């Protein structure tokens, strides 16, 4: 089969799959929006207002990412493997000040090493003096020697001069060794360069097994002061975040406890295969995660290592501080001018209209302010043609709405696919009366085939 026939067949397959998705999605929406009980009577599903308000965040309108509270700065030191540690003076979780001793080397061995190094230095100096004396003697003998042996003296002198340079180099190297050992003895106590809290202490004798993630530090200290949040975003959602974006930091324990911050860095260079939980705290372990960092004007109430949620600040918390209830605008029927209402459960399992007073609107969030007429405990339904006075209700925690925020009209729910010979064309009509006509150089298996589905 040539490439053109193969491409058109693929188009036909895509159309067929699309048809299945449209039809299946339609019936799912209809099932959620309108059901029947065991007796066959019509049932309208209702959801508590408080649940709907919470789903403004967790239902996908605003993405959440996992994060952990950390210090703005850390400092770490390594232990010299050539020297034995005599004692560690701090423990994990202890607060330390700048300049405070963290651990001490065993200087007894260093003292012995220093004495041996000094002996070696004296020996090298004596050997150098001997070489200098030899050179002087050879030069003196060379002056009075016969011309036939002068060349031999010259060679001996040059060899001694080379040995002299080597000894001078060895002496300089030994002097540096002595200086280093003396410095280590003087600085047997290693001190902290910052004020903070000891985060970790590793075992210097088993570095290869105890050090994690290639971290070769012996003691790590987290600087005290202002904190920041380290978050994680996967490769599918990294494009939704930008540096400078305001975010809300939300406690995992109490979602009403929030802090505000700004994304200061998105680290695309350091990928994480196992990061912090992302997207509402769930992480299936697949894909690649990238760290990003949030600075806070104040970190009061946050603790080091605390796990939190991060979400872009779109004004959702500002709405909660305002009067009334901010509800998704598609739950309010405003088909009658100056008479908005909602469909509410009357408390006896029946649906009824209730007038509400509407205030401001938030076009970014798609919400409307309900000043009166509605309580958080009320159960409301999505307004469509299935709603009517006295219809039975059934409570659900999932809002029964269509993907576009509205229902389907039976007269507009015809999906038609015609596949005929001719040029390949596509036509997409208005939602509800969508038609797609496709034709092309198809083989005999597809020529003249028409798919039509009435819903």
Protein backbone atom coordinates (compact mmCIF):
# COMPACT_ATOMS: atom_id res chain seq x y z
CA UNK A 1 0.00 0.00 0.00
CA UNK A 2 1.45 3.41 -0.86
CA UNK A 3 1.98 6.21 1.66
CA UNK A 4 -1.12 8.19 0.65
CA UNK A 5 -3.42 5.19 1.18
CA UNK A 6 -1.75 4.48 4.54
CA UNK A 7 -2.18 8.11 5.71
CA UNK A 8 -5.86 8.19 4.80
CA UNK A 9 -6.48 4.87 6.54
CA UNK A 10 -4.87 6.36 9.62
CA UNK A 11 -7.22 9.34 9.30
CA UNK A 12 -10.19 6.99 9.10
CA UNK A 13 -9.03 5.16 12.21
CA UNK A 14 -8.58 8.45 14.10
CA UNK A 15 -12.11 9.48 13.11
CA UNK A 16 -13.55 6.21 14.33
CA UNK A 17 -11.74 6.48 17.67
CA UNK A 18 -12.86 10.09 18.04
CA UNK A 19 -16.46 9.00 17.46
CA UNK A 20 -16.19 6.43 20.25
CA UNK A 21 -14.75 9.01 22.64
CA UNK A 22 -17.44 11.59 21.82
CA UNK A 23 -20.28 9.11 22.19
CA UNK A 24 -18.83 7.57 25.37
CA UNK A 25 -18.11 10.96 26.91
CA UNK A 26 -21.60 12.16 26.08
CA UNK A 27 -23.30 9.24 27.77
CA UNK A 28 -21.00 9.62 30.80
CA UNK A 29 -21.96 13.26 31.17
CA UNK A 30 -25.59 12.42 30.77
CA UNK A 31 -25.27 9.70 33.36
CA UNK A 32 -23.65 12.08 35.85
CA UNK A 33 -26.10 14.88 35.15
CA UNK A 34 -29.25 12.80 35.13
CA UNK A 35 -29.91 9.40 36.60
CA UNK A 36 -32.73 7.13 37.67
CA UNK A 37 -33.33 5.34 40.93
CA UNK A 38 -34.31 1.68 41.29
CA UNK A 39 -37.97 2.51 40.63
CA UNK A 40 -37.17 4.23 37.36
CA UNK A 41 -37.95 7.75 38.60
CA UNK A 42 -35.72 10.57 37.45
CA UNK A 43 -32.95 11.61 39.86
CA UNK A 44 -30.84 14.80 39.83
CA UNK A 45 -27.50 14.71 41.59
CA UNK A 46 -26.71 17.47 44.07
CA UNK A 47 -23.41 18.46 45.71
CA UNK A 48 -22.69 20.36 48.91
CA UNK A 49 -21.60 23.95 48.32
CA UNK A 50 -18.61 23.55 50.65
CA UNK A 51 -17.40 20.62 48.54
CA UNK A 52 -17.74 22.62 45.33
CA UNK A 53 -15.74 25.50 46.76
CA UNK A 54 -12.96 23.13 47.80
CA UNK A 55 -12.91 21.61 44.32
CA UNK A 56 -12.01 24.96 42.84
CA UNK A 57 -8.53 24.10 44.01
CA UNK A 58 -8.26 20.32 44.07
CA UNK A 59 -10.41 19.68 41.04
CA UNK A 60 -7.87 20.96 38.55
CA UNK A 61 -8.58 24.67 38.22
CA UNK A 62 -5.39 25.37 40.17
CA UNK A 63 -2.57 22.82 40.12
CA UNK A 64 -0.89 21.87 43.35
CA UNK A 65 2.72 20.79 43.79
CA UNK A 66 4.45 19.24 46.76
CA UNK A 67 7.24 21.02 48.59
CA UNK A 68 9.37 20.95 51.71
CA UNK A 69 10.62 23.78 53.93
CA UNK A 70 14.38 24.24 53.91
CA UNK A 71 16.96 26.83 54.84
CA UNK A 72 18.13 29.55 52.53
CA UNK A 73 21.75 28.42 53.07
CA UNK A 74 23.64 25.30 54.17
CA UNK A 75 27.31 24.78 55.05
CA UNK A 76 29.19 21.52 55.23
CA UNK A 77 32.71 20.37 56.11
CA UNK A 78 34.66 17.23 55.23
CA UNK A 79 36.93 15.20 57.47
CA UNK A 80 40.55 14.67 56.41
CA UNK A 81 40.81 10.91 55.90
CA UNK A 82 44.57 11.01 56.68
CA UNK A 83 43.90 11.93 60.29
CA UNK A 84 41.87 10.24 62.98
CA UNK A 85 38.98 12.10 64.62
CA UNK A 86 39.34 12.19 68.40
CA UNK A 87 35.80 13.35 69.24
CA UNK A 88 32.68 14.96 67.77
CA UNK A 89 31.45 17.85 69.89
CA UNK A 90 27.93 18.34 68.44
CA UNK A 91 24.89 16.20 67.62
CA UNK A 92 22.12 16.27 65.04
CA UNK A 93 19.51 18.94 65.79
CA UNK A 94 21.84 21.00 67.97
CA UNK A 95 22.04 24.74 67.41
CA UNK A 96 25.59 26.01 66.86
CA UNK A 97 27.07 29.48 66.61
CA UNK A 98 29.59 30.77 64.10
CA UNK A 99 33.08 29.73 65.18
CA UNK A 100 31.90 26.95 67.51
CA UNK A 101 34.02 23.77 67.52
CA UNK A 102 32.36 20.81 65.77
CA UNK A 103 34.96 18.05 66.11
CA UNK A 104 38.60 17.51 67.09
CA UNK A 105 41.36 15.56 65.36
CA UNK A 106 43.58 13.21 67.34
CA UNK A 107 46.79 15.32 67.51
CA UNK A 108 48.91 12.69 69.28
CA UNK A 109 49.63 11.02 65.97
CA UNK A 110 50.18 14.41 64.41
CA UNK A 111 52.81 15.24 67.02
CA UNK A 112 54.69 12.04 66.19
CA UNK A 113 54.36 12.80 62.50
CA UNK A 114 55.70 16.31 63.05
CA UNK A 115 58.76 15.04 64.93
CA UNK A 116 59.55 12.56 62.13
CA UNK A 117 59.12 15.26 59.49
CA UNK A 118 61.58 17.51 61.33
CA UNK A 119 64.13 14.68 61.51
CA UNK A 120 63.71 14.07 57.78
CA UNK A 121 64.25 17.77 57.14
CA UNK A 122 67.50 17.83 59.10
CA UNK A 123 68.75 14.77 57.20
CA UNK A 124 67.97 16.43 53.84
CA UNK A 125 69.79 19.59 54.90
CA UNK A 126 72.85 17.54 55.92
CA UNK A 127 72.82 15.74 52.58
CA UNK A 128 72.61 19.11 50.81
CA UNK A 129 75.59 20.43 52.77
CA UNK A 130 77.57 17.32 51.78
CA UNK A 131 76.75 17.86 48.09
CA UNK A 132 77.80 21.52 48.29
CA UNK A 133 81.12 20.50 49.88
CA UNK A 134 81.68 17.87 47.17
CA UNK A 135 81.06 20.38 44.39
CA UNK A 136 83.50 22.83 45.95
CA UNK A 137 86.21 20.14 46.19
CA UNK A 138 85.69 18.98 42.60
CA UNK A 139 85.90 22.54 41.28
CA UNK A 140 89.19 23.07 43.20
CA UNK A 141 90.73 19.82 41.89
CA UNK A 142 89.58 20.59 38.36
CA UNK A 143 91.62 23.77 38.27
CA UNK A 144 94.93 21.98 38.90
CA UNK A 145 94.12 18.79 36.94
CA UNK A 146 95.66 17.81 33.64
CA UNK A 147 93.73 18.73 30.53
CA UNK A 148 93.11 15.06 29.75
CA UNK A 149 90.97 14.59 32.90
CA UNK A 150 89.28 18.02 33.06
CA UNK A 151 86.30 16.68 31.09
CA UNK A 152 85.77 13.96 33.73
CA UNK A 153 85.73 16.60 36.50
CA UNK A 154 83.22 18.67 34.56
CA UNK A 155 80.82 15.71 34.30
CA UNK A 156 81.12 14.93 38.04
CA UNK A 157 80.45 18.56 38.95
CA UNK A 158 77.30 18.68 36.75
CA UNK A 159 75.97 15.47 38.34
CA UNK A 160 76.48 16.90 41.84
CA UNK A 161 74.74 20.12 40.84
CA UNK A 162 71.70 18.11 39.68
CA UNK A 163 71.65 16.25 42.99
CA UNK A 164 71.91 19.59 44.79
CA UNK A 165 68.80 20.91 42.98
CA UNK A 166 66.89 17.72 43.83
CA UNK A 167 67.82 18.02 47.51
CA UNK A 168 66.75 21.68 47.57
CA UNK A 169 63.38 20.65 46.09
CA UNK A 170 62.99 17.84 48.66
CA UNK A 171 63.76 20.28 51.47
CA UNK A 172 61.10 22.73 50.26
CA UNK A 173 58.52 19.91 50.03
CA UNK A 174 59.34 18.68 53.53
CA UNK A 175 59.08 22.21 54.91
CA UNK A 176 55.57 22.49 53.46
CA UNK A 177 54.63 19.14 55.04
CA UNK A 178 55.81 20.44 58.40
CA UNK A 179 53.83 23.67 57.99
CA UNK A 180 50.67 21.69 57.15
CA UNK A 181 51.09 19.39 60.12
CA UNK A 182 51.73 22.31 62.46
CA UNK A 183 48.64 24.05 61.08
CA UNK A 184 46.53 20.93 61.63
CA UNK A 185 47.82 20.64 65.18
CA UNK A 186 47.02 24.30 65.81
CA UNK A 187 43.58 23.84 64.23
CA UNK A 188 42.79 20.46 65.70
CA UNK A 189 39.26 21.71 66.39
CA UNK A 190 37.22 22.30 63.22
CA UNK A 191 34.74 25.14 63.70
CA UNK A 192 31.47 26.13 62.03
CA UNK A 193 31.51 29.00 59.58
CA UNK A 194 27.81 29.83 60.06
CA UNK A 195 25.25 29.92 62.86
CA UNK A 196 22.64 27.24 62.38
CA UNK A 197 21.36 23.79 63.22
CA UNK A 198 23.28 20.54 62.69
CA UNK A 199 21.35 18.67 60.00
CA UNK A 200 23.49 15.53 59.63
CA UNK A 201 26.66 13.85 60.88
CA UNK A 202 28.12 11.01 58.84
CA UNK A 203 30.55 8.30 59.92
CA UNK A 204 33.99 9.22 58.48
CA UNK A 205 35.20 5.62 58.77
CA UNK A 206 32.42 4.27 56.50
CA UNK A 207 32.02 7.10 54.05
CA UNK A 208 31.31 4.93 51.02
CA UNK A 209 28.26 3.32 52.63
CA UNK A 210 26.94 6.15 54.80
CA UNK A 211 27.18 9.15 52.48
CA UNK A 212 24.04 9.53 50.41
CA UNK A 213 23.58 10.91 46.92
CA UNK A 214 27.32 11.48 46.47
CA UNK A 215 27.45 13.94 49.38
CA UNK A 216 30.95 13.70 50.86
CA UNK A 217 30.29 16.05 53.78
CA UNK A 218 31.05 14.89 57.32
CA UNK A 219 28.89 17.47 59.11
CA UNK A 220 26.18 19.58 57.45
CA UNK A 221 24.69 22.68 59.07
CA UNK A 222 21.54 24.55 58.05
CA UNK A 223 21.72 28.28 58.55
CA UNK A 224 19.16 29.76 60.93
CA UNK A 225 16.99 32.62 59.76
CA UNK A 226 14.51 32.95 56.93
CA UNK A 227 13.31 29.77 55.26
CA UNK A 228 12.37 28.92 51.69
CA UNK A 229 10.35 26.18 50.01
CA UNK A 230 11.83 23.61 47.65
CA UNK A 231 9.12 22.29 45.33
CA UNK A 232 9.05 19.72 42.56
CA UNK A 233 7.29 19.84 39.19
CA UNK A 234 7.20 17.13 36.54
CA UNK A 235 8.15 17.55 32.91
CA UNK A 236 4.51 17.76 31.82
CA UNK A 237 3.74 20.76 34.05
CA UNK A 238 7.02 22.67 34.20
CA UNK A 239 5.78 24.98 31.45
CA UNK A 240 2.96 26.16 33.75
CA UNK A 241 5.42 27.74 36.18
CA UNK A 242 7.57 30.82 35.64
CA UNK A 243 10.16 32.60 37.75
CA UNK A 244 8.58 35.59 39.49
CA UNK A 245 5.17 33.87 39.70
CA UNK A 246 3.33 34.47 43.01
CA UNK A 247 2.36 31.28 44.79
CA UNK A 248 0.38 30.20 47.83
CA UNK A 249 2.03 27.84 50.32
CA UNK A 250 -0.60 25.70 52.02
CA UNK A 251 -0.20 23.52 55.09
CA UNK A 252 -0.90 19.84 54.51
CA UNK A 253 -2.42 19.52 57.97
CA UNK A 254 -4.64 22.62 57.89
CA UNK A 255 -5.44 23.81 54.36
CA UNK A 256 -6.69 27.14 55.72
CA UNK A 257 -3.19 27.95 57.01
CA UNK A 258 -1.38 29.65 54.13
CA UNK A 259 1.72 31.68 53.35
CA UNK A 260 2.51 33.66 50.23
CA UNK A 261 5.74 33.62 48.26
CA UNK A 262 7.35 33.99 44.85
CA UNK A 263 9.08 31.47 42.60
CA UNK A 264 12.68 32.67 42.41
CA UNK A 265 14.26 29.79 40.50
CA UNK A 266 13.22 26.83 38.35
CA UNK A 267 16.22 24.50 38.16
CA UNK A 268 16.04 22.82 34.76
CA UNK A 269 19.65 21.65 34.99
CA UNK A 270 19.24 19.28 37.96
CA UNK A 271 16.69 16.64 37.12
CA UNK A 272 15.27 14.47 39.88
CA UNK A 273 14.18 10.89 39.34
CA UNK A 274 12.69 10.77 42.83
CA UNK A 275 11.47 14.17 43.92
CA UNK A 276 8.95 15.48 46.36
CA UNK A 277 5.32 14.66 45.75
CA UNK A 278 3.80 16.68 42.94
CA UNK A 279 0.31 17.41 41.74
CA UNK A 280 -1.80 17.27 44.94
CA UNK A 281 0.92 15.33 46.71
CA UNK A 282 0.74 12.24 44.52
CA UNK A 283 3.75 10.96 42.65
CA UNK A 284 3.58 7.80 40.59
CA UNK A 285 7.36 7.75 40.23
CA UNK A 286 7.29 8.06 36.44
CA UNK A 287 8.70 10.86 34.35
CA UNK A 288 11.26 13.47 35.34
CA UNK A 289 10.88 16.05 38.11
CA UNK A 290 12.59 19.42 38.37
CA UNK A 291 13.15 21.40 41.59
CA UNK A 292 11.93 24.96 41.94
CA UNK A 293 12.35 27.37 44.84
CA UNK A 294 9.94 29.77 46.55
CA UNK A 295 11.11 32.67 48.71
CA UNK A 296 8.82 33.93 51.47
CA UNK A 297 8.59 37.45 52.91
CA UNK A 298 7.98 35.79 56.28
CA UNK A 299 8.32 32.17 57.38
CA UNK A 300 6.64 32.56 60.76
CA UNK A 301 4.78 29.36 61.65
CA UNK A 302 6.78 27.14 59.29
CA UNK A 303 9.20 24.49 60.52
CA UNK A 304 12.35 23.11 58.92
CA UNK A 305 11.53 19.96 57.00
CA UNK A 306 7.77 20.60 57.01
CA UNK A 307 5.96 19.30 53.91
CA UNK A 308 3.55 21.71 52.23
CA UNK A 309 1.49 22.23 49.08
CA UNK A 310 2.33 24.92 46.52
CA UNK A 311 -0.15 26.43 44.06
CA UNK A 312 -0.12 29.47 41.74
CA UNK A 313 -1.73 32.49 43.42
CA UNK A 314 -4.73 33.39 41.25
CA UNK A 315 -6.63 35.22 43.95
CA UNK A 316 -8.40 32.15 45.34
CA UNK A 317 -7.48 33.04 48.91
CA UNK A 318 -8.55 36.67 48.45
CA UNK A 319 -12.06 35.48 47.61
CA UNK A 320 -12.30 33.60 50.90
CA UNK A 321 -11.60 36.81 52.83
CA UNK A 322 -14.44 38.61 51.10
CA UNK A 323 -18.12 38.65 51.95
CA UNK A 324 -20.39 35.90 50.66
CA UNK A 325 -19.69 32.63 48.89
CA UNK A 326 -17.65 32.48 45.69
CA UNK A 327 -19.23 29.79 43.54
CA UNK A 328 -18.51 28.56 40.01
CA UNK A 329 -20.69 30.78 37.86
CA UNK A 330 -22.20 27.89 35.88
CA UNK A 331 -24.19 26.80 38.98
CA UNK A 332 -26.17 30.05 38.93
CA UNK A 333 -29.07 30.24 36.46
CA UNK A 334 -29.26 33.80 35.16
CA UNK A 335 -31.51 33.12 32.20
CA UNK A 336 -34.08 35.54 33.64
CA UNK A 337 -32.90 39.13 33.89
CA UNK A 338 -32.33 40.38 37.44
CA UNK A 339 -33.62 37.09 38.87
CA UNK A 340 -30.68 34.71 39.39
CA UNK A 341 -31.42 31.45 41.17
CA UNK A 342 -29.93 28.07 41.99
CA UNK A 343 -31.44 24.59 42.15
CA UNK A 344 -31.30 23.45 45.78
CA UNK A 345 -32.28 20.33 47.67
CA UNK A 346 -35.20 21.33 49.92
CA UNK A 347 -34.01 19.12 52.75
CA UNK A 348 -36.52 16.38 51.93
CA UNK A 349 -34.79 14.94 48.90
CA UNK A 350 -36.65 17.16 46.42
CA UNK A 351 -35.33 19.86 44.10
CA UNK A 352 -36.52 23.45 44.32
CA UNK A 353 -35.60 26.89 43.02
CA UNK A 354 -34.03 29.42 45.35
CA UNK A 355 -33.39 33.05 44.52
CA UNK A 356 -29.90 34.39 45.27
CA UNK A 357 -28.32 37.81 45.31
CA UNK A 358 -25.25 38.04 43.07
CA UNK A 359 -22.35 40.40 43.78
CA UNK A 360 -19.02 40.68 42.00
CA UNK A 361 -17.45 38.32 39.48
CA UNK A 362 -13.94 36.93 39.06
CA UNK A 363 -13.40 36.27 35.36
CA UNK A 364 -9.98 34.68 35.96
CA UNK A 365 -11.40 32.06 38.30
CA UNK A 366 -14.81 31.84 36.59
CA UNK A 367 -16.61 32.46 39.88
CA UNK A 368 -19.44 34.67 41.06
CA UNK A 369 -20.06 36.12 44.52
CA UNK A 370 -23.28 34.96 46.22
CA UNK A 371 -24.15 37.62 48.80
CA UNK A 372 -27.25 35.90 50.17
CA UNK A 373 -29.58 33.00 49.54
CA UNK A 374 -27.03 30.20 49.82
CA UNK A 375 -25.20 28.44 52.66
CA UNK A 376 -22.12 26.22 52.61
CA UNK A 377 -24.21 23.28 53.79
CA UNK A 378 -26.75 23.58 50.96
CA UNK A 379 -26.89 20.87 48.28
CA UNK A 380 -27.16 22.29 44.76
CA UNK A 381 -27.47 20.86 41.25
CA UNK A 382 -26.07 21.94 37.93
CA UNK A 383 -28.88 23.83 36.17
CA UNK A 384 -29.98 22.12 32.96
CA UNK A 385 -33.17 20.79 31.39
CA UNK A 386 -33.30 17.88 33.86
CA UNK A 387 -33.92 20.24 36.80
CA UNK A 388 -37.53 20.84 37.80
CA UNK A 389 -39.52 21.47 40.95
CA UNK A 390 -40.06 18.32 42.99
CA UNK A 391 -37.55 16.12 41.14
CA UNK A 392 -35.86 13.59 43.43
CA UNK A 393 -32.26 14.35 44.43
CA UNK A 394 -29.30 12.21 45.31
CA UNK A 395 -26.16 13.55 46.98
CA UNK A 396 -22.77 13.10 45.31
CA UNK A 397 -19.30 14.46 46.01
CA UNK A 398 -18.67 14.93 42.25
CA UNK A 399 -20.29 17.89 40.47
CA UNK A 400 -22.49 16.70 37.61
CA UNK A 401 -21.46 19.05 34.79
CA UNK A 402 -20.34 18.77 31.21
CA UNK A 403 -16.83 19.47 30.05
CA UNK A 404 -17.93 22.82 28.65
CA UNK A 405 -19.96 23.72 31.70
CA UNK A 406 -23.29 22.89 30.07
CA UNK A 407 -25.47 20.05 28.92
CA UNK A 408 -26.25 18.66 25.45
CA UNK A 409 -29.40 19.45 23.52
CA UNK A 410 -30.89 16.27 22.07
CA UNK A 411 -31.65 18.04 18.83
CA UNK A 412 -28.02 19.12 18.50
CA UNK A 413 -26.35 15.81 19.37
CA UNK A 414 -25.87 14.22 15.99
CA UNK A 415 -22.38 13.12 15.02
CA UNK A 416 -21.91 12.18 11.40
CA UNK A 417 -18.85 10.89 9.55
CA UNK A 418 -19.00 10.46 5.77
CA UNK A 419 -16.07 8.80 3.99
CA UNK A 420 -16.34 9.07 0.23
CA UNK A 421 -14.04 9.17 -2.74
CA UNK A 422 -12.67 12.57 -3.67
CA UNK A 423 -10.39 15.21 -2.22
CA UNK A 424 -9.59 15.02 1.50
CA UNK A 425 -11.49 17.77 3.31
CA UNK A 426 -12.42 18.52 6.88
CA UNK A 427 -15.31 20.58 8.16
CA UNK A 428 -16.13 21.21 11.79
CA UNK A 429 -19.52 22.75 12.56
CA UNK A 430 -20.79 24.30 15.75
CA UNK A 431 -20.77 22.30 18.96
CA UNK A 432 -23.85 20.12 19.06
CA UNK A 433 -24.17 19.71 15.29
CA UNK A 434 -20.65 18.63 14.48
CA UNK A 435 -20.07 17.03 11.10
CA UNK A 436 -16.85 15.75 9.67
CA UNK A 437 -16.62 14.79 6.05
CA UNK A 438 -13.48 13.04 4.85
CA UNK A 439 -12.69 11.60 1.51
CA UNK A 440 -9.59 10.55 -0.36
CA UNK A 441 -7.94 7.92 -2.47
CA UNK A 442 -9.06 5.05 -0.25
CA UNK A 443 -8.87 1.39 -1.23
CA UNK A 444 -11.89 -0.79 -1.70
CA UNK A 445 -12.19 -1.45 2.04
CA UNK A 446 -13.12 2.18 2.74
CA UNK A 447 -14.67 3.52 -0.50
CA UNK A 448 -18.15 4.85 -0.03
CA UNK A 449 -18.44 3.93 3.67
CA UNK A 450 -20.66 6.17 5.80
CA UNK A 451 -20.71 6.22 9.60
CA UNK A 452 -23.68 7.93 11.15
CA UNK A 453 -24.71 7.87 14.75
CA UNK A 454 -27.80 9.52 16.16
CA UNK A 455 -27.61 10.23 19.83
